[in-house]
Amino acid sequence: MAQSVTAPMVGKVLEVKCKVGDKVEEDQILVLLEAMKMEIPVVAPAAGSVKEVKVTPGQTVESDTVLVVIE
């Protein structure tokens, strides 16, 4: 079953640390956001493989925007 990993707050994507097909572990950092001059790591909620990456570095995202889909 696919899980969507969403942005916890409004911010700018600094770095995407995964690509489609990557195997990821629970709590592995998938995306690094910048919000309020802080770096916010967005982590995998569970182990799985990356099905989709929906953002690119430099992109501004709103709260609850889907960043990555894991299955």
PDB file of N, CA and C in Angstrom:
ATOM      1  N   MET A   1       0.839  -1.182   0.000  1.00  0.00           N
ATOM      2  CA  MET A   1       0.000   0.000   0.000  1.00  0.00           C
ATOM      3  C   MET A   1       0.888   1.251   0.000  1.00  0.00           C
ATOM      4  N   ALA A   2       0.600   2.184  -0.863  1.00  0.00           N
ATOM      5  CA  ALA A   2       1.417   3.393  -0.997  1.00  0.00           C
ATOM      6  C   ALA A   2       1.135   4.366   0.146  1.00  0.00           C
ATOM      7  N   GLN A   3       2.209   5.027   0.601  1.00  0.00           N
ATOM      8  CA  GLN A   3       2.099   6.052   1.629  1.00  0.00           C
ATOM      9  C   GLN A   3       2.630   7.356   1.072  1.00  0.00           C
ATOM     10  N   SER A   4       1.893   8.437   1.282  1.00  0.00           N
ATOM     11  CA  SER A   4       2.350   9.750   0.852  1.00  0.00           C
ATOM     12  C   SER A   4       3.099  10.419   1.992  1.00  0.00           C
ATOM     13  N   VAL A   5       4.260  10.971   1.683  1.00  0.00           N
ATOM     14  CA  VAL A   5       5.041  11.727   2.659  1.00  0.00           C
ATOM     15  C   VAL A   5       4.801  13.195   2.338  1.00  0.00           C
ATOM     16  N   THR A   6       4.287  13.946   3.327  1.00  0.00           N
ATOM     17  CA  THR A   6       3.871  15.326   3.075  1.00  0.00           C
ATOM     18  C   THR A   6       4.745  16.333   3.822  1.00  0.00           C
ATOM     19  N   ALA A   7       4.696  17.558   3.353  1.00  0.00           N
ATOM     20  CA  ALA A   7       5.440  18.654   3.988  1.00  0.00           C
ATOM     21  C   ALA A   7       4.767  19.005   5.317  1.00  0.00           C
ATOM     22  N   PRO A   8       5.552  19.131   6.384  1.00  0.00           N
ATOM     23  CA  PRO A   8       4.962  19.477   7.685  1.00  0.00           C
ATOM     24  C   PRO A   8       4.564  20.952   7.787  1.00  0.00           C
ATOM     25  N   MET A   9       5.135  21.782   6.904  1.00  0.00           N
ATOM     26  CA  MET A   9       4.853  23.220   6.935  1.00  0.00           C
ATOM     27  C   MET A   9       5.241  23.830   5.595  1.00  0.00           C
ATOM     28  N   VAL A  10       4.903  25.099   5.428  1.00  0.00           N
ATOM     29  CA  VAL A  10       5.303  25.834   4.225  1.00  0.00           C
ATOM     30  C   VAL A  10       6.824  25.970   4.226  1.00  0.00           C
ATOM     31  N   GLY A  11       7.450  25.751   3.085  1.00  0.00           N
ATOM     32  CA  GLY A  11       8.895  25.883   3.017  1.00  0.00           C
ATOM     33  C   GLY A  11       9.405  25.730   1.593  1.00  0.00           C
ATOM     34  N   LYS A  12      10.734  25.762   1.488  1.00  0.00           N
ATOM     35  CA  LYS A  12      11.394  25.610   0.195  1.00  0.00           C
ATOM     36  C   LYS A  12      12.204  24.316   0.225  1.00  0.00           C
ATOM     37  N   VAL A  13      12.123  23.534  -0.844  1.00  0.00           N
ATOM     38  CA  VAL A  13      12.867  22.281  -0.940  1.00  0.00           C
ATOM     39  C   VAL A  13      14.344  22.619  -1.167  1.00  0.00           C
ATOM     40  N   LEU A  14      15.190  22.229  -0.215  1.00  0.00           N
ATOM     41  CA  LEU A  14      16.630  22.435  -0.350  1.00  0.00           C
ATOM     42  C   LEU A  14      17.282  21.281  -1.101  1.00  0.00           C
ATOM     43  N   GLU A  15      16.860  20.058  -0.741  1.00  0.00           N
ATOM     44  CA  GLU A  15      17.510  18.873  -1.300  1.00  0.00           C
ATOM     45  C   GLU A  15      16.545  17.699  -1.293  1.00  0.00           C
ATOM     46  N   VAL A  16      16.569  16.912  -2.358  1.00  0.00           N
ATOM     47  CA  VAL A  16      15.820  15.657  -2.425  1.00  0.00           C
ATOM     48  C   VAL A  16      16.852  14.549  -2.299  1.00  0.00           C
ATOM     49  N   LYS A  17      16.737  13.731  -1.255  1.00  0.00           N
ATOM     50  CA  LYS A  17      17.765  12.745  -0.942  1.00  0.00           C
ATOM     51  C   LYS A  17      17.389  11.328  -1.376  1.00  0.00           C
ATOM     52  N   CYS A  18      16.410  11.213  -2.277  1.00  0.00           N
ATOM     53  CA  CYS A  18      16.011   9.898  -2.779  1.00  0.00           C
ATOM     54  C   CYS A  18      15.570  10.050  -4.221  1.00  0.00           C
ATOM     55  N   LYS A  19      15.493   8.916  -4.914  1.00  0.00           N
ATOM     56  CA  LYS A  19      14.982   8.923  -6.282  1.00  0.00           C
ATOM     57  C   LYS A  19      14.079   7.712  -6.465  1.00  0.00           C
ATOM     58  N   VAL A  20      13.296   7.723  -7.528  1.00  0.00           N
ATOM     59  CA  VAL A  20      12.369   6.625  -7.795  1.00  0.00           C
ATOM     60  C   VAL A  20      13.145   5.308  -7.852  1.00  0.00           C
ATOM     61  N   GLY A  21      12.617   4.305  -7.155  1.00  0.00           N
ATOM     62  CA  GLY A  21      13.239   2.985  -7.132  1.00  0.00           C
ATOM     63  C   GLY A  21      14.134   2.752  -5.930  1.00  0.00           C
ATOM     64  N   ASP A  22      14.520   3.815  -5.218  1.00  0.00           N
ATOM     65  CA  ASP A  22      15.369   3.652  -4.028  1.00  0.00           C
ATOM     66  C   ASP A  22      14.637   2.878  -2.944  1.00  0.00           C
ATOM     67  N   LYS A  23      15.360   2.021  -2.245  1.00  0.00           N
ATOM     68  CA  LYS A  23      14.852   1.366  -1.040  1.00  0.00           C
ATOM     69  C   LYS A  23      15.169   2.291   0.120  1.00  0.00           C
ATOM     70  N   VAL A  24      14.185   2.562   0.966  1.00  0.00           N
ATOM     71  CA  VAL A  24      14.390   3.449   2.105  1.00  0.00           C
ATOM     72  C   VAL A  24      13.994   2.746   3.395  1.00  0.00           C
ATOM     73  N   GLU A  25      14.628   3.174   4.472  1.00  0.00           N
ATOM     74  CA  GLU A  25      14.332   2.643   5.799  1.00  0.00           C
ATOM     75  C   GLU A  25      13.453   3.634   6.555  1.00  0.00           C
ATOM     76  N   GLU A  26      12.744   3.147   7.560  1.00  0.00           N
ATOM     77  CA  GLU A  26      11.958   4.036   8.418  1.00  0.00           C
ATOM     78  C   GLU A  26      12.875   5.096   9.026  1.00  0.00           C
ATOM     79  N   ASP A  27      12.424   6.330   9.066  1.00  0.00           N
ATOM     80  CA  ASP A  27      13.148   7.484   9.625  1.00  0.00           C
ATOM     81  C   ASP A  27      14.324   7.959   8.773  1.00  0.00           C
ATOM     82  N   GLN A  28      14.495   7.413   7.566  1.00  0.00           N
ATOM     83  CA  GLN A  28      15.530   7.909   6.657  1.00  0.00           C
ATOM     84  C   GLN A  28      15.080   9.254   6.093  1.00  0.00           C
ATOM     85  N   ILE A  29      16.012  10.220   6.012  1.00  0.00           N
ATOM     86  CA  ILE A  29      15.670  11.540   5.476  1.00  0.00           C
ATOM     87  C   ILE A  29      15.452  11.426   3.964  1.00  0.00           C
ATOM     88  N   LEU A  30      14.280  11.894   3.518  1.00  0.00           N
ATOM     89  CA  LEU A  30      13.926  11.847   2.100  1.00  0.00           C
ATOM     90  C   LEU A  30      14.081  13.210   1.443  1.00  0.00           C
ATOM     91  N   VAL A  31      13.660  14.256   2.157  1.00  0.00           N
ATOM     92  CA  VAL A  31      13.675  15.618   1.627  1.00  0.00           C
ATOM     93  C   VAL A  31      14.120  16.559   2.742  1.00  0.00           C
ATOM     94  N   LEU A  32      14.898  17.554   2.373  1.00  0.00           N
ATOM     95  CA  LEU A  32      15.320  18.585   3.305  1.00  0.00           C
ATOM     96  C   LEU A  32      14.622  19.879   2.899  1.00  0.00           C
ATOM     97  N   LEU A  33      13.817  20.421   3.830  1.00  0.00           N
ATOM     98  CA  LEU A  33      13.097  21.667   3.586  1.00  0.00           C
ATOM     99  C   LEU A  33      13.755  22.803   4.363  1.00  0.00           C
ATOM    100  N   GLU A  34      13.610  24.012   3.866  1.00  0.00           N
ATOM    101  CA  GLU A  34      14.011  25.190   4.621  1.00  0.00           C
ATOM    102  C   GLU A  34      12.736  25.956   4.965  1.00  0.00           C
ATOM    103  N   ALA A  35      12.548  26.184   6.257  1.00  0.00           N
ATOM    104  CA  ALA A  35      11.384  26.930   6.722  1.00  0.00           C
ATOM    105  C   ALA A  35      11.813  27.771   7.910  1.00  0.00           C
ATOM    106  N   MET A  36      11.471  29.025   7.909  1.00  0.00           N
ATOM    107  CA  MET A  36      11.824  29.950   8.986  1.00  0.00           C
ATOM    108  C   MET A  36      13.330  29.933   9.273  1.00  0.00           C
ATOM    109  N   LYS A  37      14.132  29.887   8.217  1.00  0.00           N
ATOM    110  CA  LYS A  37      15.596  29.875   8.283  1.00  0.00           C
ATOM    111  C   LYS A  37      16.163  28.659   9.020  1.00  0.00           C
ATOM    112  N   MET A  38      15.366  27.588   9.083  1.00  0.00           N
ATOM    113  CA  MET A  38      15.825  26.331   9.684  1.00  0.00           C
ATOM    114  C   MET A  38      15.718  25.240   8.639  1.00  0.00           C
ATOM    115  N   GLU A  39      16.592  24.231   8.750  1.00  0.00           N
ATOM    116  CA  GLU A  39      16.489  23.056   7.885  1.00  0.00           C
ATOM    117  C   GLU A  39      15.593  22.032   8.578  1.00  0.00           C
ATOM    118  N   ILE A  40      14.576  21.588   7.861  1.00  0.00           N
ATOM    119  CA  ILE A  40      13.606  20.633   8.397  1.00  0.00           C
ATOM    120  C   ILE A  40      13.730  19.319   7.616  1.00  0.00           C
ATOM    121  N   PRO A  41      14.236  18.256   8.270  1.00  0.00           N
ATOM    122  CA  PRO A  41      14.296  16.968   7.567  1.00  0.00           C
ATOM    123  C   PRO A  41      12.906  16.316   7.527  1.00  0.00           C
ATOM    124  N   VAL A  42      12.532  15.815   6.356  1.00  0.00           N
ATOM    125  CA  VAL A  42      11.276  15.069   6.204  1.00  0.00           C
ATOM    126  C   VAL A  42      11.672  13.616   6.020  1.00  0.00           C
ATOM    127  N   VAL A  43      11.207  12.751   6.924  1.00  0.00           N
ATOM    128  CA  VAL A  43      11.675  11.365   6.959  1.00  0.00           C
ATOM    129  C   VAL A  43      10.605  10.376   6.493  1.00  0.00           C
ATOM    130  N   ALA A  44      11.067   9.187   6.135  1.00  0.00           N
ATOM    131  CA  ALA A  44      10.162   8.109   5.723  1.00  0.00           C
ATOM    132  C   ALA A  44       9.396   7.596   6.940  1.00  0.00           C
ATOM    133  N   PRO A  45       8.077   7.466   6.826  1.00  0.00           N
ATOM    134  CA  PRO A  45       7.285   6.953   7.946  1.00  0.00           C
ATOM    135  C   PRO A  45       7.439   5.437   8.135  1.00  0.00           C
ATOM    136  N   ALA A  46       7.920   4.760   7.090  1.00  0.00           N
ATOM    137  CA  ALA A  46       8.086   3.304   7.130  1.00  0.00           C
ATOM    138  C   ALA A  46       9.086   2.895   6.044  1.00  0.00           C
ATOM    139  N   ALA A  47       9.596   1.690   6.164  1.00  0.00           N
ATOM    140  CA  ALA A  47      10.507   1.167   5.141  1.00  0.00           C
ATOM    141  C   ALA A  47       9.702   0.848   3.875  1.00  0.00           C
ATOM    142  N   GLY A  48      10.357   0.939   2.738  1.00  0.00           N
ATOM    143  CA  GLY A  48       9.698   0.622   1.474  1.00  0.00           C
ATOM    144  C   GLY A  48      10.545   1.081   0.313  1.00  0.00           C
ATOM    145  N   SER A  49       9.921   1.207  -0.846  1.00  0.00           N
ATOM    146  CA  SER A  49      10.644   1.715  -2.004  1.00  0.00           C
ATOM    147  C   SER A  49       9.946   2.975  -2.513  1.00  0.00           C
ATOM    148  N   VAL A  50      10.737   3.885  -3.066  1.00  0.00           N
ATOM    149  CA  VAL A  50      10.212   5.162  -3.537  1.00  0.00           C
ATOM    150  C   VAL A  50       9.499   4.939  -4.870  1.00  0.00           C
ATOM    151  N   LYS A  51       8.206   5.252  -4.899  1.00  0.00           N
ATOM    152  CA  LYS A  51       7.395   5.090  -6.107  1.00  0.00           C
ATOM    153  C   LYS A  51       7.380   6.378  -6.930  1.00  0.00           C
ATOM    154  N   GLU A  52       7.292   7.534  -6.234  1.00  0.00           N
ATOM    155  CA  GLU A  52       7.248   8.832  -6.920  1.00  0.00           C
ATOM    156  C   GLU A  52       7.969   9.883  -6.091  1.00  0.00           C
ATOM    157  N   VAL A  53       8.644  10.803  -6.777  1.00  0.00           N
ATOM    158  CA  VAL A  53       9.194  12.008  -6.150  1.00  0.00           C
ATOM    159  C   VAL A  53       8.489  13.166  -6.827  1.00  0.00           C
ATOM    160  N   LYS A  54       7.743  13.953  -6.056  1.00  0.00           N
ATOM    161  CA  LYS A  54       6.858  14.964  -6.637  1.00  0.00           C
ATOM    162  C   LYS A  54       7.396  16.392  -6.529  1.00  0.00           C
ATOM    163  N   VAL A  55       8.619  16.563  -5.997  1.00  0.00           N
ATOM    164  CA  VAL A  55       9.182  17.907  -5.840  1.00  0.00           C
ATOM    165  C   VAL A  55      10.612  17.954  -6.366  1.00  0.00           C
ATOM    166  N   THR A  56      11.089  19.178  -6.600  1.00  0.00           N
ATOM    167  CA  THR A  56      12.468  19.381  -7.045  1.00  0.00           C
ATOM    168  C   THR A  56      13.107  20.460  -6.170  1.00  0.00           C
ATOM    169  N   PRO A  57      14.441  20.448  -6.039  1.00  0.00           N
ATOM    170  CA  PRO A  57      15.116  21.480  -5.254  1.00  0.00           C
ATOM    171  C   PRO A  57      14.767  22.878  -5.766  1.00  0.00           C
ATOM    172  N   GLY A  58      14.544  23.795  -4.825  1.00  0.00           N
ATOM    173  CA  GLY A  58      14.197  25.159  -5.161  1.00  0.00           C
ATOM    174  C   GLY A  58      12.697  25.417  -5.181  1.00  0.00           C
ATOM    175  N   GLN A  59      11.915  24.353  -5.233  1.00  0.00           N
ATOM    176  CA  GLN A  59      10.460  24.477  -5.283  1.00  0.00           C
ATOM    177  C   GLN A  59       9.915  24.887  -3.911  1.00  0.00           C
ATOM    178  N   THR A  60       8.952  25.795  -3.896  1.00  0.00           N
ATOM    179  CA  THR A  60       8.271  26.175  -2.660  1.00  0.00           C
ATOM    180  C   THR A  60       7.039  25.293  -2.515  1.00  0.00           C
ATOM    181  N   VAL A  61       6.825  24.767  -1.298  1.00  0.00           N
ATOM    182  CA  VAL A  61       5.694  23.871  -1.052  1.00  0.00           C
ATOM    183  C   VAL A  61       4.841  24.414   0.088  1.00  0.00           C
ATOM    184  N   GLU A  62       3.576  24.076   0.036  1.00  0.00           N
ATOM    185  CA  GLU A  62       2.634  24.428   1.097  1.00  0.00           C
ATOM    186  C   GLU A  62       2.581  23.281   2.100  1.00  0.00           C
ATOM    187  N   SER A  63       2.045  23.547   3.266  1.00  0.00           N
ATOM    188  CA  SER A  63       1.828  22.509   4.264  1.00  0.00           C
ATOM    189  C   SER A  63       0.958  21.409   3.660  1.00  0.00           C
ATOM    190  N   ASP A  64       1.290  20.177   3.926  1.00  0.00           N
ATOM    191  CA  ASP A  64       0.562  18.976   3.453  1.00  0.00           C
ATOM    192  C   ASP A  64       0.716  18.693   1.975  1.00  0.00           C
ATOM    193  N   THR A  65       1.639  19.368   1.284  1.00  0.00           N
ATOM    194  CA  THR A  65       1.949  19.025  -0.102  1.00  0.00           C
ATOM    195  C   THR A  65       2.632  17.656  -0.120  1.00  0.00           C
ATOM    196  N   VAL A  66       2.213  16.773  -1.032  1.00  0.00           N
ATOM    197  CA  VAL A  66       2.848  15.469  -1.153  1.00  0.00           C
ATOM    198  C   VAL A  66       4.237  15.652  -1.772  1.00  0.00           C
ATOM    199  N   LEU A  67       5.270  15.166  -1.055  1.00  0.00           N
ATOM    200  CA  LEU A  67       6.646  15.287  -1.510  1.00  0.00           C
ATOM    201  C   LEU A  67       7.122  14.016  -2.191  1.00  0.00           C
ATOM    202  N   VAL A  68       6.845  12.882  -1.540  1.00  0.00           N
ATOM    203  CA  VAL A  68       7.323  11.571  -1.995  1.00  0.00           C
ATOM    204  C   VAL A  68       6.241  10.545  -1.728  1.00  0.00           C
ATOM    205  N   VAL A  69       6.130   9.537  -2.600  1.00  0.00           N
ATOM    206  CA  VAL A  69       5.212   8.416  -2.378  1.00  0.00           C
ATOM    207  C   VAL A  69       6.061   7.161  -2.220  1.00  0.00           C
ATOM    208  N   ILE A  70       5.801   6.429  -1.132  1.00  0.00           N
ATOM    209  CA  ILE A  70       6.525   5.188  -0.825  1.00  0.00           C
ATOM    210  C   ILE A  70       5.542   4.035  -0.856  1.00  0.00           C
ATOM    211  N   GLU A  71       6.007   2.889  -1.379  1.00  0.00           N
ATOM    212  CA  GLU A  71       5.159   1.689  -1.288  1.00  0.00           C
ATOM    213  C   GLU A  71       5.951   0.512  -0.792  1.00  0.00           C
TER     214      GLU A  71
END
